[in-house]
Amino acid sequence: MSAQDRSRGTEEVWSVEAADRCEASGGTIADLRTASEAESVYLSLQCRGTDEGHLVALSMGTGETTWDTAFAGRPDQAPDILVVDSGSSGGGANDVVQQALRGEFGADHLYVNGDDGTFRTPEVLSAASVTENLTVPAEDTDSPPRMLLVGTDTHMRASAAHAGVALLIEDGVLSFDDLDEAAYTEEAGEPRLHTSMDPVQFFGDVGLNHLTEALATAEP
């Protein structure tokens, strides 16, 4: 795999041999999926011969490995990667965390902390109102995942809190009356949750703490 500098035409900036991850443990590469965001390129690899999968984060600028996390793989099929960032999970119909919570990826997906590669479901999703009404994966890395949602701790926390509350409002489990005014705004006279277009409110601790409390205290 290689990266090119578009400002210089097709000049190669760096390259890596993805197959080395599998060959190091005596296997060969069976499948490879990729995704990227501003700072990182992510590789999802499935190794043949070892039944091992790898999720690897590479520096966008240098190609150096930031972290490499191994997990139980699915024969010949690497998990897809969805990046959780302001563009993909800032609220709205195409929010990937909302899609996960609606069950569009089934239960065999995992949340990955993009800062260090650990599998970590956002703590806010442990609330009973979420686990009993929405789809939250089991933290079981012995079961092969089909989808990996990767994002920094900051993005994951904000996206999970907003997505959980948004869906529970849709389902009638919560209402805007249950929320502190700091957790939402009004548009054309109608209340709406903040989106990543309102970054101070979307990522700020004040609003997030109110959303977290609403999820924790809501009747399942």
N, C-alpha and C. Protein backbone atom coordinates (compact mmCIF):
# COMPACT_ATOMS: atom_id res chain seq x y z
N MET A 1 0.85 -1.18 0.00
CA MET A 1 0.00 0.00 0.00
C MET A 1 0.88 1.23 0.00
N SER A 2 0.48 2.28 -0.72
CA SER A 2 1.29 3.49 -0.80
C SER A 2 0.41 4.72 -0.71
N ALA A 3 1.04 5.85 -0.37
CA ALA A 3 0.36 7.14 -0.33
C ALA A 3 1.04 8.08 -1.29
N GLN A 4 0.25 8.91 -1.97
CA GLN A 4 0.78 9.84 -2.95
C GLN A 4 0.47 11.27 -2.56
N ASP A 5 1.34 12.18 -2.97
CA ASP A 5 1.15 13.61 -2.74
C ASP A 5 0.46 14.18 -3.97
N ARG A 6 -0.84 14.50 -3.83
CA ARG A 6 -1.59 14.98 -4.98
C ARG A 6 -1.07 16.30 -5.51
N SER A 7 -0.47 17.11 -4.63
CA SER A 7 0.05 18.40 -5.08
C SER A 7 1.27 18.23 -5.99
N ARG A 8 1.85 17.02 -5.96
CA ARG A 8 3.01 16.74 -6.80
C ARG A 8 2.71 15.64 -7.81
N GLY A 9 1.47 15.58 -8.23
CA GLY A 9 1.09 14.57 -9.21
C GLY A 9 1.01 13.20 -8.58
N THR A 10 1.78 12.27 -9.07
CA THR A 10 1.72 10.88 -8.59
C THR A 10 2.93 10.52 -7.74
N GLU A 11 3.65 11.50 -7.23
CA GLU A 11 4.84 11.21 -6.43
C GLU A 11 4.48 10.43 -5.18
N GLU A 12 5.17 9.30 -4.97
CA GLU A 12 4.91 8.46 -3.80
C GLU A 12 5.56 9.05 -2.57
N VAL A 13 4.77 9.19 -1.51
CA VAL A 13 5.27 9.76 -0.26
C VAL A 13 5.81 8.66 0.65
N TRP A 14 5.05 7.56 0.76
CA TRP A 14 5.48 6.42 1.56
C TRP A 14 4.75 5.17 1.10
N SER A 15 5.27 4.03 1.46
CA SER A 15 4.61 2.77 1.14
C SER A 15 4.86 1.78 2.27
N VAL A 16 3.93 0.85 2.44
CA VAL A 16 4.07 -0.20 3.45
C VAL A 16 3.66 -1.53 2.83
N GLU A 17 4.20 -2.60 3.35
CA GLU A 17 3.82 -3.95 2.93
C GLU A 17 2.81 -4.50 3.93
N ALA A 18 1.55 -4.39 3.61
CA ALA A 18 0.51 -4.84 4.53
C ALA A 18 0.63 -6.32 4.85
N ALA A 19 1.09 -7.11 3.87
CA ALA A 19 1.19 -8.56 4.05
C ALA A 19 2.16 -8.95 5.16
N ASP A 20 3.09 -8.05 5.51
CA ASP A 20 4.07 -8.36 6.55
C ASP A 20 3.40 -8.67 7.88
N ARG A 21 2.23 -8.08 8.13
CA ARG A 21 1.54 -8.31 9.41
C ARG A 21 1.15 -9.78 9.55
N CYS A 22 0.73 -10.38 8.46
CA CYS A 22 0.33 -11.79 8.49
C CYS A 22 1.54 -12.72 8.42
N GLU A 23 2.50 -12.35 7.59
CA GLU A 23 3.67 -13.21 7.42
C GLU A 23 4.47 -13.34 8.70
N ALA A 24 4.41 -12.32 9.56
CA ALA A 24 5.16 -12.36 10.81
C ALA A 24 4.68 -13.48 11.73
N SER A 25 3.41 -13.89 11.58
CA SER A 25 2.88 -14.97 12.41
C SER A 25 2.68 -16.25 11.61
N GLY A 26 3.30 -16.33 10.45
CA GLY A 26 3.27 -17.56 9.68
C GLY A 26 2.09 -17.70 8.74
N GLY A 27 1.38 -16.60 8.46
CA GLY A 27 0.23 -16.67 7.56
C GLY A 27 0.45 -15.84 6.31
N THR A 28 -0.58 -15.75 5.52
CA THR A 28 -0.57 -14.90 4.33
C THR A 28 -1.80 -14.01 4.39
N ILE A 29 -1.79 -12.93 3.65
CA ILE A 29 -2.91 -12.00 3.69
C ILE A 29 -4.06 -12.53 2.82
N ALA A 30 -5.25 -12.57 3.41
CA ALA A 30 -6.42 -13.08 2.69
C ALA A 30 -7.32 -11.94 2.22
N ASP A 31 -7.38 -10.85 2.99
CA ASP A 31 -8.29 -9.76 2.63
C ASP A 31 -7.77 -8.48 3.30
N LEU A 32 -8.04 -7.35 2.65
CA LEU A 32 -7.58 -6.05 3.16
C LEU A 32 -8.66 -5.01 2.89
N ARG A 33 -9.02 -4.24 3.93
CA ARG A 33 -9.92 -3.11 3.80
C ARG A 33 -9.20 -1.87 4.34
N THR A 34 -9.50 -0.71 3.80
CA THR A 34 -8.84 0.52 4.24
C THR A 34 -9.85 1.63 4.50
N ALA A 35 -9.44 2.59 5.32
CA ALA A 35 -10.21 3.80 5.56
C ALA A 35 -9.22 4.85 6.03
N SER A 36 -9.60 6.10 5.99
CA SER A 36 -8.69 7.16 6.40
C SER A 36 -9.44 8.35 6.96
N GLU A 37 -8.72 9.15 7.73
CA GLU A 37 -9.21 10.45 8.19
C GLU A 37 -8.02 11.39 8.17
N ALA A 38 -8.13 12.55 8.75
CA ALA A 38 -7.13 13.60 8.57
C ALA A 38 -5.73 13.18 9.00
N GLU A 39 -5.63 12.44 10.09
CA GLU A 39 -4.32 12.12 10.66
C GLU A 39 -3.85 10.70 10.40
N SER A 40 -4.75 9.79 10.06
CA SER A 40 -4.40 8.37 10.01
C SER A 40 -4.99 7.64 8.82
N VAL A 41 -4.31 6.58 8.42
CA VAL A 41 -4.83 5.59 7.49
C VAL A 41 -5.01 4.30 8.28
N TYR A 42 -6.16 3.66 8.13
CA TYR A 42 -6.44 2.43 8.87
C TYR A 42 -6.48 1.25 7.91
N LEU A 43 -5.84 0.16 8.32
CA LEU A 43 -5.85 -1.08 7.54
C LEU A 43 -6.54 -2.16 8.36
N SER A 44 -7.49 -2.83 7.76
CA SER A 44 -8.13 -4.00 8.36
C SER A 44 -7.71 -5.21 7.55
N LEU A 45 -6.98 -6.13 8.20
CA LEU A 45 -6.41 -7.28 7.50
C LEU A 45 -6.96 -8.58 8.06
N GLN A 46 -7.20 -9.52 7.18
CA GLN A 46 -7.51 -10.88 7.60
C GLN A 46 -6.39 -11.79 7.10
N CYS A 47 -5.81 -12.56 8.03
CA CYS A 47 -4.72 -13.46 7.67
C CYS A 47 -5.25 -14.87 7.39
N ARG A 48 -4.72 -15.49 6.36
CA ARG A 48 -5.06 -16.88 6.06
C ARG A 48 -3.99 -17.78 6.68
N GLY A 49 -4.46 -18.82 7.36
CA GLY A 49 -3.52 -19.76 7.98
C GLY A 49 -3.37 -19.55 9.46
N THR A 50 -3.78 -18.40 9.98
CA THR A 50 -3.68 -18.13 11.41
C THR A 50 -5.03 -17.72 12.01
N ASP A 51 -6.03 -17.44 11.15
CA ASP A 51 -7.35 -16.97 11.60
C ASP A 51 -7.22 -15.73 12.48
N GLU A 52 -6.22 -14.92 12.19
CA GLU A 52 -5.99 -13.71 12.96
C GLU A 52 -6.29 -12.49 12.11
N GLY A 53 -6.93 -11.51 12.72
CA GLY A 53 -7.16 -10.24 12.06
C GLY A 53 -6.32 -9.15 12.71
N HIS A 54 -6.07 -8.10 11.95
CA HIS A 54 -5.32 -6.96 12.47
C HIS A 54 -6.01 -5.67 12.07
N LEU A 55 -6.06 -4.73 12.98
CA LEU A 55 -6.44 -3.36 12.66
C LEU A 55 -5.20 -2.51 12.93
N VAL A 56 -4.75 -1.82 11.90
CA VAL A 56 -3.49 -1.09 11.98
C VAL A 56 -3.75 0.38 11.69
N ALA A 57 -3.18 1.26 12.50
CA ALA A 57 -3.25 2.71 12.25
C ALA A 57 -1.88 3.18 11.79
N LEU A 58 -1.85 3.85 10.65
CA LEU A 58 -0.63 4.42 10.11
C LEU A 58 -0.72 5.93 10.09
N SER A 59 0.39 6.60 10.34
CA SER A 59 0.43 8.05 10.24
C SER A 59 0.20 8.46 8.79
N MET A 60 -0.74 9.37 8.58
CA MET A 60 -1.02 9.84 7.23
C MET A 60 0.21 10.48 6.59
N GLY A 61 1.01 11.17 7.41
CA GLY A 61 2.15 11.89 6.87
C GLY A 61 3.36 11.04 6.57
N THR A 62 3.60 9.99 7.38
CA THR A 62 4.84 9.23 7.24
C THR A 62 4.65 7.76 6.92
N GLY A 63 3.46 7.23 7.17
CA GLY A 63 3.24 5.80 6.97
C GLY A 63 3.71 4.95 8.13
N GLU A 64 4.24 5.57 9.17
CA GLU A 64 4.71 4.81 10.33
C GLU A 64 3.52 4.26 11.11
N THR A 65 3.72 3.09 11.72
CA THR A 65 2.66 2.45 12.49
C THR A 65 2.44 3.17 13.82
N THR A 66 1.21 3.59 14.05
CA THR A 66 0.85 4.21 15.32
C THR A 66 0.46 3.15 16.33
N TRP A 67 -0.33 2.17 15.89
CA TRP A 67 -0.67 1.01 16.71
C TRP A 67 -1.13 -0.12 15.80
N ASP A 68 -1.09 -1.33 16.35
CA ASP A 68 -1.48 -2.53 15.62
C ASP A 68 -2.20 -3.44 16.62
N THR A 69 -3.49 -3.65 16.40
CA THR A 69 -4.31 -4.44 17.31
C THR A 69 -4.74 -5.73 16.62
N ALA A 70 -4.48 -6.87 17.26
CA ALA A 70 -4.88 -8.17 16.71
C ALA A 70 -6.20 -8.60 17.34
N PHE A 71 -6.98 -9.38 16.59
CA PHE A 71 -8.26 -9.87 17.08
C PHE A 71 -8.61 -11.16 16.36
N ALA A 72 -9.60 -11.87 16.87
CA ALA A 72 -10.05 -13.10 16.22
C ALA A 72 -10.67 -12.76 14.87
N GLY A 73 -10.17 -13.37 13.82
CA GLY A 73 -10.60 -13.03 12.48
C GLY A 73 -11.69 -13.93 11.94
N ARG A 74 -12.29 -13.48 10.83
CA ARG A 74 -13.31 -14.25 10.13
C ARG A 74 -12.65 -14.81 8.87
N PRO A 75 -12.72 -16.10 8.62
CA PRO A 75 -11.99 -16.70 7.51
C PRO A 75 -12.17 -15.94 6.19
N ASP A 76 -11.03 -15.47 5.66
CA ASP A 76 -10.96 -14.85 4.33
C ASP A 76 -11.70 -13.53 4.20
N GLN A 77 -12.19 -12.95 5.29
CA GLN A 77 -12.92 -11.68 5.18
C GLN A 77 -12.53 -10.74 6.31
N ALA A 78 -11.89 -9.64 5.95
CA ALA A 78 -11.54 -8.62 6.94
C ALA A 78 -12.75 -7.76 7.27
N PRO A 79 -12.86 -7.29 8.50
CA PRO A 79 -13.97 -6.39 8.85
C PRO A 79 -13.87 -5.07 8.08
N ASP A 80 -15.01 -4.52 7.73
CA ASP A 80 -15.03 -3.18 7.18
C ASP A 80 -14.71 -2.18 8.29
N ILE A 81 -14.26 -0.99 7.89
CA ILE A 81 -13.90 0.07 8.84
C ILE A 81 -14.79 1.28 8.58
N LEU A 82 -15.36 1.82 9.64
CA LEU A 82 -16.05 3.10 9.57
C LEU A 82 -15.36 4.07 10.52
N VAL A 83 -14.99 5.22 10.01
CA VAL A 83 -14.32 6.22 10.83
C VAL A 83 -15.38 7.10 11.50
N VAL A 84 -15.26 7.26 12.80
CA VAL A 84 -16.15 8.12 13.57
C VAL A 84 -15.47 9.48 13.71
N ASP A 85 -15.93 10.46 12.93
CA ASP A 85 -15.39 11.82 13.02
C ASP A 85 -16.52 12.81 12.78
N SER A 86 -16.17 14.08 12.69
CA SER A 86 -17.21 15.11 12.57
C SER A 86 -18.02 14.96 11.29
N GLY A 87 -17.40 14.43 10.25
CA GLY A 87 -18.11 14.28 8.99
C GLY A 87 -19.06 13.10 8.96
N SER A 88 -18.70 12.03 9.67
CA SER A 88 -19.49 10.80 9.59
C SER A 88 -20.43 10.59 10.77
N SER A 89 -20.19 11.29 11.86
CA SER A 89 -20.99 11.02 13.05
C SER A 89 -21.29 12.29 13.83
N GLY A 90 -21.63 13.32 13.13
CA GLY A 90 -21.93 14.58 13.79
C GLY A 90 -23.41 14.84 13.93
N GLY A 91 -24.22 13.78 13.84
CA GLY A 91 -25.67 13.93 13.91
C GLY A 91 -26.28 13.85 12.52
N GLY A 92 -27.52 13.40 12.44
CA GLY A 92 -28.20 13.32 11.16
C GLY A 92 -28.41 11.89 10.69
N ALA A 93 -29.10 11.76 9.57
CA ALA A 93 -29.52 10.44 9.09
C ALA A 93 -28.37 9.53 8.73
N ASN A 94 -27.24 10.09 8.32
CA ASN A 94 -26.10 9.27 7.90
C ASN A 94 -25.07 9.08 9.00
N ASP A 95 -25.42 9.41 10.22
CA ASP A 95 -24.52 9.26 11.36
C ASP A 95 -24.22 7.78 11.57
N VAL A 96 -22.93 7.41 11.50
CA VAL A 96 -22.58 5.98 11.55
C VAL A 96 -22.82 5.37 12.93
N VAL A 97 -22.71 6.18 13.99
CA VAL A 97 -22.99 5.64 15.32
C VAL A 97 -24.49 5.41 15.48
N GLN A 98 -25.32 6.30 14.93
CA GLN A 98 -26.75 6.04 14.94
C GLN A 98 -27.08 4.78 14.16
N GLN A 99 -26.43 4.57 13.03
CA GLN A 99 -26.67 3.36 12.25
C GLN A 99 -26.32 2.12 13.06
N ALA A 100 -25.20 2.17 13.78
CA ALA A 100 -24.79 1.03 14.61
C ALA A 100 -25.81 0.77 15.71
N LEU A 101 -26.26 1.84 16.36
CA LEU A 101 -27.22 1.69 17.46
C LEU A 101 -28.58 1.24 16.97
N ARG A 102 -28.92 1.55 15.73
CA ARG A 102 -30.19 1.07 15.16
C ARG A 102 -30.13 -0.42 14.81
N GLY A 103 -28.92 -0.98 14.83
CA GLY A 103 -28.76 -2.39 14.51
C GLY A 103 -28.47 -2.67 13.06
N GLU A 104 -28.09 -1.63 12.29
CA GLU A 104 -27.84 -1.82 10.86
C GLU A 104 -26.61 -2.67 10.59
N PHE A 105 -25.72 -2.80 11.56
CA PHE A 105 -24.53 -3.63 11.41
C PHE A 105 -24.63 -4.92 12.23
N GLY A 106 -25.82 -5.20 12.77
CA GLY A 106 -25.96 -6.36 13.64
C GLY A 106 -25.24 -6.10 14.95
N ALA A 107 -25.03 -7.16 15.70
CA ALA A 107 -24.35 -7.02 16.99
C ALA A 107 -22.86 -7.31 16.90
N ASP A 108 -22.40 -7.82 15.76
CA ASP A 108 -20.99 -8.21 15.67
C ASP A 108 -20.14 -7.09 15.07
N HIS A 109 -20.18 -5.94 15.76
CA HIS A 109 -19.29 -4.83 15.44
C HIS A 109 -18.61 -4.40 16.73
N LEU A 110 -17.52 -3.69 16.60
CA LEU A 110 -16.76 -3.25 17.77
C LEU A 110 -16.38 -1.78 17.63
N TYR A 111 -16.35 -1.09 18.75
CA TYR A 111 -15.86 0.28 18.79
C TYR A 111 -14.36 0.25 19.13
N VAL A 112 -13.57 1.02 18.40
CA VAL A 112 -12.12 1.02 18.60
C VAL A 112 -11.67 2.44 18.91
N ASN A 113 -10.93 2.59 20.01
CA ASN A 113 -10.38 3.89 20.36
C ASN A 113 -9.23 4.21 19.41
N GLY A 114 -9.42 5.24 18.59
CA GLY A 114 -8.41 5.58 17.59
C GLY A 114 -7.13 6.13 18.18
N ASP A 115 -7.14 6.47 19.48
CA ASP A 115 -5.93 7.00 20.10
C ASP A 115 -4.91 5.90 20.38
N ASP A 116 -5.40 4.70 20.73
CA ASP A 116 -4.46 3.65 21.12
C ASP A 116 -4.81 2.26 20.57
N GLY A 117 -5.92 2.13 19.84
CA GLY A 117 -6.25 0.85 19.22
C GLY A 117 -6.97 -0.12 20.13
N THR A 118 -7.38 0.30 21.32
CA THR A 118 -8.08 -0.61 22.22
C THR A 118 -9.56 -0.72 21.82
N PHE A 119 -10.15 -1.90 22.06
CA PHE A 119 -11.57 -2.08 21.85
C PHE A 119 -12.29 -1.51 23.07
N ARG A 120 -13.14 -0.51 22.84
CA ARG A 120 -13.74 0.17 23.99
C ARG A 120 -15.08 0.77 23.58
N THR A 121 -16.16 0.14 24.02
CA THR A 121 -17.48 0.71 23.77
C THR A 121 -17.63 1.95 24.64
N PRO A 122 -18.07 3.09 24.06
CA PRO A 122 -18.22 4.31 24.86
C PRO A 122 -19.06 4.05 26.11
N GLU A 123 -18.56 4.52 27.25
CA GLU A 123 -19.21 4.22 28.54
C GLU A 123 -20.66 4.66 28.57
N VAL A 124 -20.98 5.74 27.88
CA VAL A 124 -22.35 6.25 27.91
C VAL A 124 -23.34 5.24 27.35
N LEU A 125 -22.87 4.32 26.52
CA LEU A 125 -23.76 3.32 25.92
C LEU A 125 -24.05 2.15 26.85
N SER A 126 -23.51 2.20 28.06
CA SER A 126 -23.79 1.13 29.03
C SER A 126 -25.07 1.40 29.82
N ALA A 127 -25.68 2.57 29.64
CA ALA A 127 -26.92 2.90 30.35
C ALA A 127 -28.01 1.91 29.97
N ALA A 128 -28.85 1.55 30.94
CA ALA A 128 -29.91 0.58 30.69
C ALA A 128 -30.86 1.04 29.60
N SER A 129 -31.11 2.35 29.53
CA SER A 129 -32.01 2.86 28.49
C SER A 129 -31.47 2.58 27.09
N VAL A 130 -30.15 2.50 26.97
CA VAL A 130 -29.52 2.20 25.68
C VAL A 130 -29.49 0.69 25.43
N THR A 131 -28.98 -0.06 26.39
CA THR A 131 -28.80 -1.49 26.17
C THR A 131 -30.12 -2.23 25.98
N GLU A 132 -31.22 -1.69 26.55
CA GLU A 132 -32.51 -2.38 26.43
C GLU A 132 -33.33 -1.93 25.23
N ASN A 133 -32.91 -0.84 24.56
CA ASN A 133 -33.68 -0.34 23.43
C ASN A 133 -32.89 -0.28 22.12
N LEU A 134 -31.57 -0.27 22.22
CA LEU A 134 -30.74 -0.11 21.03
C LEU A 134 -29.74 -1.26 20.95
N THR A 135 -28.93 -1.27 19.91
CA THR A 135 -27.98 -2.37 19.68
C THR A 135 -26.59 -1.96 20.12
N VAL A 136 -26.08 -2.64 21.13
CA VAL A 136 -24.73 -2.37 21.65
C VAL A 136 -23.95 -3.68 21.58
N PRO A 137 -22.74 -3.68 21.02
CA PRO A 137 -21.99 -4.93 20.89
C PRO A 137 -21.45 -5.43 22.22
N ALA A 138 -21.30 -6.73 22.32
CA ALA A 138 -20.61 -7.30 23.47
C ALA A 138 -19.12 -7.05 23.31
N GLU A 139 -18.44 -6.77 24.42
CA GLU A 139 -17.00 -6.54 24.37
C GLU A 139 -16.29 -7.90 24.30
N ASP A 140 -16.47 -8.61 23.20
CA ASP A 140 -15.94 -9.96 23.06
C ASP A 140 -15.07 -10.02 21.82
N THR A 141 -13.76 -9.85 22.02
CA THR A 141 -12.85 -9.87 20.88
C THR A 141 -12.50 -11.29 20.44
N ASP A 142 -13.10 -12.30 21.11
CA ASP A 142 -12.92 -13.68 20.66
C ASP A 142 -13.91 -14.03 19.55
N SER A 143 -14.93 -13.18 19.36
CA SER A 143 -15.90 -13.39 18.29
C SER A 143 -15.54 -12.47 17.13
N PRO A 144 -15.39 -13.00 15.92
CA PRO A 144 -14.95 -12.18 14.79
C PRO A 144 -15.94 -11.05 14.47
N PRO A 145 -15.49 -9.81 14.45
CA PRO A 145 -16.38 -8.70 14.10
C PRO A 145 -16.52 -8.57 12.58
N ARG A 146 -17.65 -8.03 12.14
CA ARG A 146 -17.85 -7.71 10.73
C ARG A 146 -17.59 -6.24 10.44
N MET A 147 -17.65 -5.42 11.49
CA MET A 147 -17.49 -3.98 11.31
C MET A 147 -16.71 -3.41 12.48
N LEU A 148 -15.80 -2.48 12.18
CA LEU A 148 -15.02 -1.79 13.20
C LEU A 148 -15.27 -0.30 13.08
N LEU A 149 -15.74 0.33 14.16
CA LEU A 149 -15.96 1.77 14.19
C LEU A 149 -14.79 2.40 14.94
N VAL A 150 -14.02 3.22 14.26
CA VAL A 150 -12.78 3.76 14.81
C VAL A 150 -12.89 5.27 14.96
N GLY A 151 -12.57 5.77 16.15
CA GLY A 151 -12.58 7.21 16.37
C GLY A 151 -11.86 7.56 17.65
N THR A 152 -11.42 8.79 17.75
CA THR A 152 -10.76 9.24 18.97
C THR A 152 -11.73 9.21 20.14
N ASP A 153 -11.20 9.20 21.33
CA ASP A 153 -12.04 9.17 22.52
C ASP A 153 -12.99 10.37 22.55
N THR A 154 -12.50 11.52 22.11
CA THR A 154 -13.32 12.74 22.09
C THR A 154 -14.51 12.59 21.16
N HIS A 155 -14.26 12.10 19.94
CA HIS A 155 -15.34 11.93 18.97
C HIS A 155 -16.30 10.83 19.41
N MET A 156 -15.77 9.74 19.92
CA MET A 156 -16.62 8.62 20.33
C MET A 156 -17.59 9.04 21.43
N ARG A 157 -17.08 9.73 22.43
CA ARG A 157 -17.93 10.12 23.56
C ARG A 157 -19.06 11.04 23.09
N ALA A 158 -18.71 12.06 22.31
CA ALA A 158 -19.71 13.01 21.85
C ALA A 158 -20.71 12.35 20.90
N SER A 159 -20.20 11.56 19.97
CA SER A 159 -21.08 10.93 18.98
C SER A 159 -22.02 9.93 19.63
N ALA A 160 -21.50 9.13 20.57
CA ALA A 160 -22.33 8.12 21.23
C ALA A 160 -23.43 8.76 22.05
N ALA A 161 -23.10 9.81 22.80
CA ALA A 161 -24.10 10.47 23.64
C ALA A 161 -25.21 11.08 22.79
N HIS A 162 -24.84 11.80 21.75
CA HIS A 162 -25.84 12.44 20.90
C HIS A 162 -26.66 11.40 20.13
N ALA A 163 -26.00 10.37 19.61
CA ALA A 163 -26.72 9.35 18.85
C ALA A 163 -27.70 8.60 19.74
N GLY A 164 -27.27 8.23 20.95
CA GLY A 164 -28.15 7.51 21.86
C GLY A 164 -29.38 8.31 22.22
N VAL A 165 -29.18 9.57 22.56
CA VAL A 165 -30.32 10.42 22.93
C VAL A 165 -31.23 10.65 21.73
N ALA A 166 -30.65 10.91 20.55
CA ALA A 166 -31.46 11.15 19.36
C ALA A 166 -32.39 9.98 19.06
N LEU A 167 -31.86 8.77 19.15
CA LEU A 167 -32.67 7.60 18.83
C LEU A 167 -33.72 7.32 19.90
N LEU A 168 -33.38 7.57 21.14
CA LEU A 168 -34.37 7.35 22.21
C LEU A 168 -35.48 8.40 22.15
N ILE A 169 -35.17 9.59 21.67
CA ILE A 169 -36.22 10.59 21.45
C ILE A 169 -37.13 10.11 20.32
N GLU A 170 -36.54 9.58 19.24
CA GLU A 170 -37.33 9.04 18.13
C GLU A 170 -38.26 7.93 18.61
N ASP A 171 -37.76 7.11 19.52
CA ASP A 171 -38.52 5.96 20.00
C ASP A 171 -39.50 6.31 21.13
N GLY A 172 -39.47 7.55 21.58
CA GLY A 172 -40.38 7.96 22.64
C GLY A 172 -39.93 7.60 24.04
N VAL A 173 -38.72 7.09 24.17
CA VAL A 173 -38.20 6.77 25.50
C VAL A 173 -37.80 8.05 26.23
N LEU A 174 -37.28 9.02 25.48
CA LEU A 174 -36.92 10.33 26.00
C LEU A 174 -37.68 11.40 25.23
N SER A 175 -37.71 12.60 25.80
CA SER A 175 -38.22 13.76 25.08
C SER A 175 -37.32 14.94 25.41
N PHE A 176 -37.47 16.02 24.66
CA PHE A 176 -36.64 17.19 24.93
C PHE A 176 -36.96 17.77 26.31
N ASP A 177 -38.14 17.49 26.83
CA ASP A 177 -38.49 17.94 28.18
C ASP A 177 -37.60 17.29 29.24
N ASP A 178 -37.00 16.15 28.89
CA ASP A 178 -36.12 15.46 29.83
C ASP A 178 -34.70 16.03 29.83
N LEU A 179 -34.43 16.92 28.89
CA LEU A 179 -33.07 17.42 28.72
C LEU A 179 -32.92 18.83 29.26
N ASP A 180 -31.74 19.11 29.76
CA ASP A 180 -31.40 20.48 30.12
C ASP A 180 -31.26 21.30 28.84
N GLU A 181 -31.58 22.58 28.91
CA GLU A 181 -31.53 23.43 27.72
C GLU A 181 -30.13 23.53 27.12
N ALA A 182 -29.10 23.25 27.92
CA ALA A 182 -27.73 23.31 27.40
C ALA A 182 -27.44 22.17 26.43
N ALA A 183 -28.29 21.15 26.43
CA ALA A 183 -28.04 19.96 25.61
C ALA A 183 -28.64 20.06 24.22
N TYR A 184 -29.41 21.12 23.96
CA TYR A 184 -30.02 21.23 22.63
C TYR A 184 -30.23 22.69 22.27
N THR A 185 -30.66 22.93 21.05
CA THR A 185 -30.94 24.28 20.58
C THR A 185 -32.30 24.28 19.89
N GLU A 186 -32.69 25.40 19.37
CA GLU A 186 -33.94 25.48 18.62
C GLU A 186 -33.66 25.99 17.21
N GLU A 187 -34.39 25.44 16.28
CA GLU A 187 -34.25 25.83 14.87
C GLU A 187 -35.64 25.92 14.28
N ALA A 188 -35.98 27.09 13.75
CA ALA A 188 -37.32 27.33 13.22
C ALA A 188 -38.40 26.99 14.26
N GLY A 189 -38.10 27.30 15.51
CA GLY A 189 -39.07 27.08 16.58
C GLY A 189 -39.17 25.66 17.08
N GLU A 190 -38.34 24.76 16.55
CA GLU A 190 -38.37 23.36 16.96
C GLU A 190 -37.05 22.99 17.64
N PRO A 191 -37.12 22.19 18.72
CA PRO A 191 -35.87 21.78 19.37
C PRO A 191 -35.11 20.77 18.53
N ARG A 192 -33.80 20.82 18.58
CA ARG A 192 -32.95 19.81 17.92
C ARG A 192 -31.66 19.67 18.72
N LEU A 193 -31.10 18.50 18.70
CA LEU A 193 -29.81 18.29 19.35
C LEU A 193 -28.72 19.02 18.57
N HIS A 194 -27.65 19.34 19.27
CA HIS A 194 -26.51 19.96 18.61
C HIS A 194 -25.87 18.95 17.64
N THR A 195 -25.25 19.46 16.60
CA THR A 195 -24.49 18.63 15.67
C THR A 195 -23.04 19.11 15.70
N SER A 196 -22.19 18.44 14.94
CA SER A 196 -20.78 18.85 14.89
C SER A 196 -20.61 20.20 14.20
N MET A 197 -21.69 20.72 13.60
CA MET A 197 -21.64 22.08 13.07
C MET A 197 -21.67 23.11 14.21
N ASP A 198 -22.01 22.63 15.41
CA ASP A 198 -21.96 23.46 16.63
C ASP A 198 -20.87 22.85 17.53
N PRO A 199 -19.60 22.93 17.14
CA PRO A 199 -18.57 22.14 17.82
C PRO A 199 -18.42 22.41 19.30
N VAL A 200 -18.57 23.66 19.73
CA VAL A 200 -18.40 23.96 21.16
C VAL A 200 -19.46 23.23 21.97
N GLN A 201 -20.70 23.24 21.49
CA GLN A 201 -21.78 22.57 22.21
C GLN A 201 -21.73 21.05 22.02
N PHE A 202 -21.38 20.60 20.81
CA PHE A 202 -21.38 19.16 20.51
C PHE A 202 -20.32 18.42 21.34
N PHE A 203 -19.14 19.02 21.45
CA PHE A 203 -18.05 18.35 22.16
C PHE A 203 -17.88 18.84 23.60
N GLY A 204 -18.59 19.90 23.98
CA GLY A 204 -18.39 20.48 25.30
C GLY A 204 -18.90 19.61 26.43
N ASP A 205 -18.21 19.67 27.55
CA ASP A 205 -18.56 18.83 28.70
C ASP A 205 -19.93 19.15 29.28
N VAL A 206 -20.33 20.43 29.23
CA VAL A 206 -21.61 20.81 29.85
C VAL A 206 -22.77 20.06 29.19
N GLY A 207 -22.87 20.18 27.87
CA GLY A 207 -23.95 19.50 27.16
C GLY A 207 -23.85 18.00 27.25
N LEU A 208 -22.62 17.46 27.13
CA LEU A 208 -22.43 16.02 27.17
C LEU A 208 -22.80 15.44 28.54
N ASN A 209 -22.48 16.16 29.58
CA ASN A 209 -22.84 15.68 30.92
C ASN A 209 -24.36 15.61 31.08
N HIS A 210 -25.08 16.57 30.52
CA HIS A 210 -26.55 16.54 30.59
C HIS A 210 -27.10 15.37 29.78
N LEU A 211 -26.53 15.11 28.59
CA LEU A 211 -27.01 13.98 27.78
C LEU A 211 -26.73 12.66 28.48
N THR A 212 -25.54 12.56 29.08
CA THR A 212 -25.16 11.34 29.79
C THR A 212 -26.11 11.08 30.96
N GLU A 213 -26.44 12.15 31.68
CA GLU A 213 -27.37 12.01 32.81
C GLU A 213 -28.75 11.60 32.33
N ALA A 214 -29.20 12.15 31.20
CA ALA A 214 -30.52 11.80 30.67
C ALA A 214 -30.58 10.32 30.30
N LEU A 215 -29.51 9.81 29.69
CA LEU A 215 -29.48 8.38 29.34
C LEU A 215 -29.44 7.51 30.59
N ALA A 216 -28.70 7.96 31.59
CA ALA A 216 -28.54 7.15 32.81
C ALA A 216 -29.82 7.10 33.63
N THR A 217 -30.62 8.15 33.59
CA THR A 217 -31.80 8.22 34.45
C THR A 217 -33.10 7.88 33.73
N ALA A 218 -33.04 7.70 32.40
CA ALA A 218 -34.27 7.39 31.66
C ALA A 218 -34.79 6.01 32.00
N GLU A 219 -36.09 5.86 32.07
CA GLU A 219 -36.69 4.57 32.30
C GLU A 219 -36.57 3.73 31.02
N PRO A 220 -35.99 2.53 31.12
CA PRO A 220 -35.81 1.70 29.92
C PRO A 220 -37.12 1.39 29.22
